[in-house]
């Protein structure tokens, strides 16, 4: 990209490289309006923080026995494939189930009509978690 300029001595053709062109000042960034300064404008705020805390606590409570099963299966003298796979599927499925359940209780299913809501996060985590639970049950 070239910028036409007046002929300069020692620079043939009167063309100057765009990267060598002098820089100019740009317009200043406008100050935010009063409406943007109000809390909750562009920041997501949960309507149910207690539900989120409860689901996190329940997920941790249910995750502890699964982690114990995983460590027992992996550190055994003879590694059990069934226990290892089942615990891996459960370790992955429990947090996803909590996320999907939070979205379902929070009303994310009403955001889009029909099946489209279930293909969007956080509701998409719920069927994935159910598939992981079934895989854990079938692996034992």
Protein backbone atom coordinates (compact mmCIF):
# COMPACT_ATOMS: atom_id res chain seq x y z
CA UNK A 1 0.00 0.00 0.00
CA UNK A 2 1.49 3.33 -0.99
CA UNK A 3 0.52 6.91 -0.29
CA UNK A 4 1.14 9.51 -3.02
CA UNK A 5 3.34 12.37 -1.83
CA UNK A 6 5.27 15.20 -3.30
CA UNK A 7 8.52 14.19 -5.00
CA UNK A 8 11.36 13.88 -2.54
CA UNK A 9 15.01 13.92 -3.31
CA UNK A 10 16.57 10.50 -3.26
CA UNK A 11 13.19 8.75 -3.20
CA UNK A 12 12.24 7.87 -6.77
CA UNK A 13 8.75 8.09 -8.15
CA UNK A 14 7.15 10.23 -5.46
CA UNK A 15 5.59 7.19 -3.73
CA UNK A 16 6.03 6.62 0.01
CA UNK A 17 5.49 3.38 1.90
CA UNK A 18 2.34 3.48 4.07
CA UNK A 19 4.28 2.18 7.07
CA UNK A 20 6.75 5.03 6.75
CA UNK A 21 4.00 7.68 6.58
CA UNK A 22 3.71 9.95 9.62
CA UNK A 23 1.08 9.04 12.19
CA UNK A 24 -1.80 11.28 13.16
CA UNK A 25 -3.88 11.65 16.30
CA UNK A 26 -7.18 9.84 16.54
CA UNK A 27 -10.38 10.99 18.16
CA UNK A 28 -10.55 10.58 21.92
CA UNK A 29 -12.66 7.79 23.39
CA UNK A 30 -15.96 9.27 24.61
CA UNK A 31 -16.78 9.11 28.30
CA UNK A 32 -19.33 6.43 29.27
CA UNK A 33 -22.86 7.69 29.63
CA UNK A 34 -24.73 7.62 32.94
CA UNK A 35 -26.93 4.73 31.73
CA UNK A 36 -23.87 2.52 31.17
CA UNK A 37 -22.62 3.21 34.68
CA UNK A 38 -25.70 1.65 36.29
CA UNK A 39 -25.05 -1.76 37.80
CA UNK A 40 -26.35 -4.71 35.83
CA UNK A 41 -26.23 -3.02 32.45
CA UNK A 42 -23.82 -5.18 30.50
CA UNK A 43 -22.66 -7.45 33.30
CA UNK A 44 -24.40 -10.78 33.80
CA UNK A 45 -25.78 -11.09 37.30
CA UNK A 46 -27.33 -14.33 38.44
CA UNK A 47 -30.86 -14.26 39.75
CA UNK A 48 -30.24 -17.31 41.91
CA UNK A 49 -26.81 -17.21 43.58
CA UNK A 50 -28.03 -19.47 46.38
CA UNK A 51 -28.95 -22.15 43.87
CA UNK A 52 -25.49 -21.93 42.32
CA UNK A 53 -23.83 -22.33 45.71
CA UNK A 54 -26.07 -25.27 46.58
CA UNK A 55 -25.31 -27.02 43.29
CA UNK A 56 -21.56 -26.47 43.75
CA UNK A 57 -21.68 -27.89 47.28
CA UNK A 58 -23.72 -30.90 46.16
CA UNK A 59 -21.38 -31.50 43.24
CA UNK A 60 -18.38 -31.48 45.56
CA UNK A 61 -20.14 -33.82 48.01
CA UNK A 62 -20.99 -36.30 45.24
CA UNK A 63 -17.59 -35.91 43.59
CA UNK A 64 -15.62 -37.01 46.69
CA UNK A 65 -16.71 -40.70 46.65
CA UNK A 66 -16.16 -40.81 42.89
CA UNK A 67 -12.63 -39.46 43.32
CA UNK A 68 -12.02 -42.07 46.01
CA UNK A 69 -13.27 -44.78 43.62
CA UNK A 70 -10.98 -43.43 40.92
CA UNK A 71 -7.91 -43.36 43.16
CA UNK A 72 -8.67 -46.86 44.46
CA UNK A 73 -9.12 -48.24 40.95
CA UNK A 74 -5.99 -46.58 39.57
CA UNK A 75 -3.65 -47.37 42.45
CA UNK A 76 -4.68 -51.01 42.91
CA UNK A 77 -2.17 -53.80 42.29
CA UNK A 78 -4.23 -54.93 39.35
CA UNK A 79 -5.77 -51.86 37.70
CA UNK A 80 -9.49 -52.34 37.15
CA UNK A 81 -10.58 -50.96 33.80
CA UNK A 82 -14.26 -50.96 34.77
CA UNK A 83 -13.75 -48.93 37.93
CA UNK A 84 -11.35 -46.54 36.22
CA UNK A 85 -13.64 -45.87 33.27
CA UNK A 86 -16.76 -45.56 35.42
CA UNK A 87 -15.09 -43.08 37.74
CA UNK A 88 -13.68 -41.03 34.84
CA UNK A 89 -17.12 -40.77 33.26
CA UNK A 90 -18.63 -39.78 36.60
CA UNK A 91 -15.89 -37.22 37.32
CA UNK A 92 -16.66 -35.57 33.99
CA UNK A 93 -20.43 -35.96 34.22
CA UNK A 94 -21.17 -34.56 37.69
CA UNK A 95 -20.03 -30.95 37.06
CA UNK A 96 -21.73 -30.95 33.66
CA UNK A 97 -24.93 -32.18 35.25
CA UNK A 98 -24.78 -29.38 37.83
CA UNK A 99 -24.25 -26.77 35.10
CA UNK A 100 -27.13 -28.12 33.03
CA UNK A 101 -29.41 -28.37 36.04
CA UNK A 102 -28.60 -24.77 36.97
CA UNK A 103 -29.54 -23.68 33.46
CA UNK A 104 -32.74 -25.71 33.51
CA UNK A 105 -33.87 -24.36 36.89
CA UNK A 106 -32.73 -20.85 35.94
CA UNK A 107 -35.09 -20.75 32.95
CA UNK A 108 -32.66 -21.20 30.07
CA UNK A 109 -35.10 -23.62 28.43
CA UNK A 110 -37.49 -20.75 27.79
CA UNK A 111 -34.87 -18.72 25.89
CA UNK A 112 -35.33 -20.52 22.58
CA UNK A 113 -38.28 -22.45 21.20
CA UNK A 114 -38.26 -26.23 20.94
CA UNK A 115 -35.09 -28.26 20.68
CA UNK A 116 -32.86 -25.25 19.97
CA UNK A 117 -32.68 -24.42 23.67
CA UNK A 118 -31.19 -27.84 24.43
CA UNK A 119 -28.40 -27.32 21.90
CA UNK A 120 -27.17 -24.16 23.64
CA UNK A 121 -25.15 -23.86 26.80
CA UNK A 122 -25.85 -24.33 29.69
CA UNK A 123 -28.67 -26.75 28.82
CA UNK A 124 -26.47 -28.68 26.40
CA UNK A 125 -24.47 -29.92 29.38
CA UNK A 126 -27.46 -31.81 30.79
CA UNK A 127 -27.91 -34.43 28.02
CA UNK A 128 -24.12 -34.79 27.73
CA UNK A 129 -23.97 -35.52 31.46
CA UNK A 130 -26.76 -38.09 31.16
CA UNK A 131 -24.84 -39.82 28.36
CA UNK A 132 -21.72 -39.84 30.57
CA UNK A 133 -23.75 -41.34 33.45
CA UNK A 134 -25.06 -44.08 31.16
CA UNK A 135 -21.51 -44.73 29.94
CA UNK A 136 -20.35 -45.00 33.55
CA UNK A 137 -23.13 -47.46 34.33
CA UNK A 138 -22.39 -49.58 31.27
CA UNK A 139 -18.65 -49.66 31.91
CA UNK A 140 -19.00 -51.54 35.19
